[in-house]
N, C-alpha and C. Protein backbone atom coordinates (compact mmCIF):
# COMPACT_ATOMS: atom_id res chain seq x y z
N MET A 1 6.87 -14.36 5.83
CA MET A 1 6.10 -13.40 6.59
C MET A 1 6.54 -11.99 6.20
N LEU A 2 5.58 -11.10 6.09
CA LEU A 2 5.87 -9.72 5.70
C LEU A 2 6.36 -8.91 6.91
N ASP A 3 7.34 -8.08 6.66
CA ASP A 3 7.93 -7.23 7.70
C ASP A 3 7.01 -6.03 7.95
N VAL A 4 6.58 -5.88 9.19
CA VAL A 4 5.64 -4.81 9.55
C VAL A 4 6.26 -3.43 9.30
N ARG A 5 7.56 -3.28 9.53
CA ARG A 5 8.21 -1.98 9.29
C ARG A 5 8.15 -1.61 7.82
N ARG A 6 8.30 -2.60 6.96
CA ARG A 6 8.21 -2.33 5.52
C ARG A 6 6.78 -2.02 5.11
N LEU A 7 5.83 -2.69 5.73
CA LEU A 7 4.42 -2.39 5.44
C LEU A 7 4.09 -0.96 5.84
N ARG A 8 4.71 -0.48 6.91
CA ARG A 8 4.49 0.91 7.33
C ARG A 8 4.97 1.88 6.25
N LEU A 9 6.10 1.56 5.62
CA LEU A 9 6.60 2.40 4.54
C LEU A 9 5.60 2.44 3.39
N LEU A 10 5.02 1.29 3.08
CA LEU A 10 4.03 1.22 2.00
C LEU A 10 2.80 2.06 2.35
N ARG A 11 2.36 1.98 3.58
CA ARG A 11 1.21 2.78 4.01
C ARG A 11 1.53 4.27 3.92
N GLU A 12 2.73 4.64 4.37
CA GLU A 12 3.14 6.04 4.29
C GLU A 12 3.22 6.52 2.85
N LEU A 13 3.68 5.66 1.96
CA LEU A 13 3.73 6.02 0.54
C LEU A 13 2.33 6.28 0.00
N SER A 14 1.39 5.46 0.41
CA SER A 14 0.00 5.65 -0.01
C SER A 14 -0.52 7.00 0.49
N TYR A 15 -0.16 7.35 1.71
CA TYR A 15 -0.63 8.59 2.33
C TYR A 15 0.08 9.83 1.78
N ARG A 16 1.41 9.75 1.65
CA ARG A 16 2.22 10.93 1.30
C ARG A 16 2.46 11.09 -0.19
N GLY A 17 2.42 9.99 -0.95
CA GLY A 17 2.50 10.10 -2.39
C GLY A 17 3.85 9.94 -3.05
N THR A 18 4.94 10.28 -2.34
CA THR A 18 6.26 10.15 -2.94
C THR A 18 7.24 9.49 -1.96
N ILE A 19 8.23 8.84 -2.53
CA ILE A 19 9.26 8.21 -1.71
C ILE A 19 10.03 9.27 -0.93
N ALA A 20 10.28 10.41 -1.56
CA ALA A 20 10.99 11.50 -0.88
C ALA A 20 10.22 11.99 0.35
N ALA A 21 8.91 12.11 0.23
CA ALA A 21 8.10 12.56 1.36
C ALA A 21 8.10 11.53 2.48
N VAL A 22 8.04 10.26 2.13
CA VAL A 22 8.11 9.19 3.13
C VAL A 22 9.45 9.25 3.84
N ALA A 23 10.51 9.38 3.07
CA ALA A 23 11.85 9.43 3.65
C ALA A 23 11.98 10.61 4.62
N GLU A 24 11.50 11.75 4.22
CA GLU A 24 11.60 12.93 5.08
C GLU A 24 10.78 12.76 6.36
N ALA A 25 9.59 12.22 6.24
CA ALA A 25 8.71 12.06 7.39
C ALA A 25 9.26 11.05 8.41
N LEU A 26 9.92 10.02 7.90
CA LEU A 26 10.39 8.95 8.79
C LEU A 26 11.90 8.99 9.02
N THR A 27 12.54 10.06 8.58
CA THR A 27 13.99 10.27 8.72
C THR A 27 14.82 9.12 8.16
N PHE A 28 14.49 8.72 6.94
CA PHE A 28 15.27 7.78 6.15
C PHE A 28 15.80 8.53 4.94
N THR A 29 16.70 7.90 4.20
CA THR A 29 17.06 8.44 2.90
C THR A 29 16.07 7.88 1.88
N PRO A 30 15.85 8.60 0.78
CA PRO A 30 14.97 8.05 -0.26
C PRO A 30 15.47 6.70 -0.77
N SER A 31 16.77 6.52 -0.85
CA SER A 31 17.33 5.25 -1.30
C SER A 31 16.95 4.12 -0.35
N ALA A 32 17.02 4.38 0.94
CA ALA A 32 16.67 3.35 1.93
C ALA A 32 15.20 2.97 1.82
N VAL A 33 14.33 3.96 1.63
CA VAL A 33 12.90 3.68 1.48
C VAL A 33 12.67 2.83 0.24
N SER A 34 13.29 3.21 -0.87
CA SER A 34 13.15 2.47 -2.11
C SER A 34 13.62 1.02 -1.96
N GLN A 35 14.76 0.84 -1.31
CA GLN A 35 15.29 -0.51 -1.10
C GLN A 35 14.38 -1.35 -0.22
N GLN A 36 13.82 -0.74 0.82
CA GLN A 36 12.92 -1.48 1.70
C GLN A 36 11.63 -1.85 0.99
N LEU A 37 11.12 -0.97 0.15
CA LEU A 37 9.91 -1.29 -0.61
C LEU A 37 10.18 -2.39 -1.63
N ALA A 38 11.35 -2.39 -2.23
CA ALA A 38 11.71 -3.47 -3.16
C ALA A 38 11.80 -4.80 -2.42
N ALA A 39 12.34 -4.78 -1.21
CA ALA A 39 12.43 -5.99 -0.40
C ALA A 39 11.02 -6.48 -0.03
N LEU A 40 10.12 -5.55 0.26
CA LEU A 40 8.74 -5.92 0.58
C LEU A 40 8.07 -6.59 -0.62
N GLU A 41 8.32 -6.07 -1.81
CA GLU A 41 7.77 -6.70 -3.02
C GLU A 41 8.29 -8.12 -3.17
N ARG A 42 9.57 -8.33 -2.91
CA ARG A 42 10.13 -9.68 -3.00
C ARG A 42 9.48 -10.60 -1.97
N GLU A 43 9.30 -10.10 -0.74
CA GLU A 43 8.66 -10.90 0.31
C GLU A 43 7.23 -11.26 -0.07
N ALA A 44 6.50 -10.30 -0.63
CA ALA A 44 5.10 -10.51 -0.98
C ALA A 44 4.96 -11.38 -2.23
N GLY A 45 5.96 -11.32 -3.09
CA GLY A 45 5.90 -12.10 -4.32
C GLY A 45 5.02 -11.49 -5.40
N VAL A 46 4.65 -10.25 -5.23
CA VAL A 46 3.82 -9.53 -6.22
C VAL A 46 4.33 -8.11 -6.36
N ALA A 47 4.01 -7.50 -7.48
CA ALA A 47 4.37 -6.09 -7.68
C ALA A 47 3.45 -5.22 -6.84
N LEU A 48 4.02 -4.39 -6.00
CA LEU A 48 3.24 -3.48 -5.16
C LEU A 48 3.27 -2.05 -5.70
N LEU A 49 4.28 -1.78 -6.54
CA LEU A 49 4.47 -0.44 -7.08
C LEU A 49 4.59 -0.50 -8.59
N GLU A 50 4.05 0.52 -9.23
CA GLU A 50 4.26 0.70 -10.66
C GLU A 50 5.27 1.81 -10.83
N ARG A 51 6.35 1.53 -11.49
CA ARG A 51 7.40 2.52 -11.68
C ARG A 51 7.28 3.13 -13.07
N THR A 52 7.20 4.44 -13.10
CA THR A 52 7.14 5.18 -14.36
C THR A 52 8.20 6.26 -14.29
N GLY A 53 9.34 6.00 -14.92
CA GLY A 53 10.45 6.94 -14.82
C GLY A 53 10.92 7.00 -13.38
N ARG A 54 10.88 8.20 -12.81
CA ARG A 54 11.31 8.38 -11.43
C ARG A 54 10.12 8.36 -10.45
N ARG A 55 8.94 8.16 -10.95
CA ARG A 55 7.74 8.15 -10.09
C ARG A 55 7.28 6.72 -9.80
N VAL A 56 6.61 6.56 -8.68
CA VAL A 56 6.01 5.28 -8.34
C VAL A 56 4.57 5.51 -7.91
N THR A 57 3.72 4.55 -8.22
CA THR A 57 2.34 4.56 -7.73
C THR A 57 2.05 3.15 -7.24
N LEU A 58 1.09 3.06 -6.34
CA LEU A 58 0.70 1.75 -5.82
C LEU A 58 -0.12 1.00 -6.87
N THR A 59 0.07 -0.29 -6.93
CA THR A 59 -0.76 -1.11 -7.82
C THR A 59 -2.14 -1.26 -7.19
N PRO A 60 -3.14 -1.54 -8.01
CA PRO A 60 -4.49 -1.74 -7.46
C PRO A 60 -4.50 -2.91 -6.51
């Protein structure tokens, strides 16, 4: 089952565009946001983010 708190981070990333912006808005560290999104990908069993260098974008 997918964690709703992690899904919220994914939604915020879609809205705000960067992990840093998500972290600032929700008072997390960027590292914590990144780790939670990685855990969500493992739970889902699919890639949710495309990583290009230091940037991430949502997969279609």
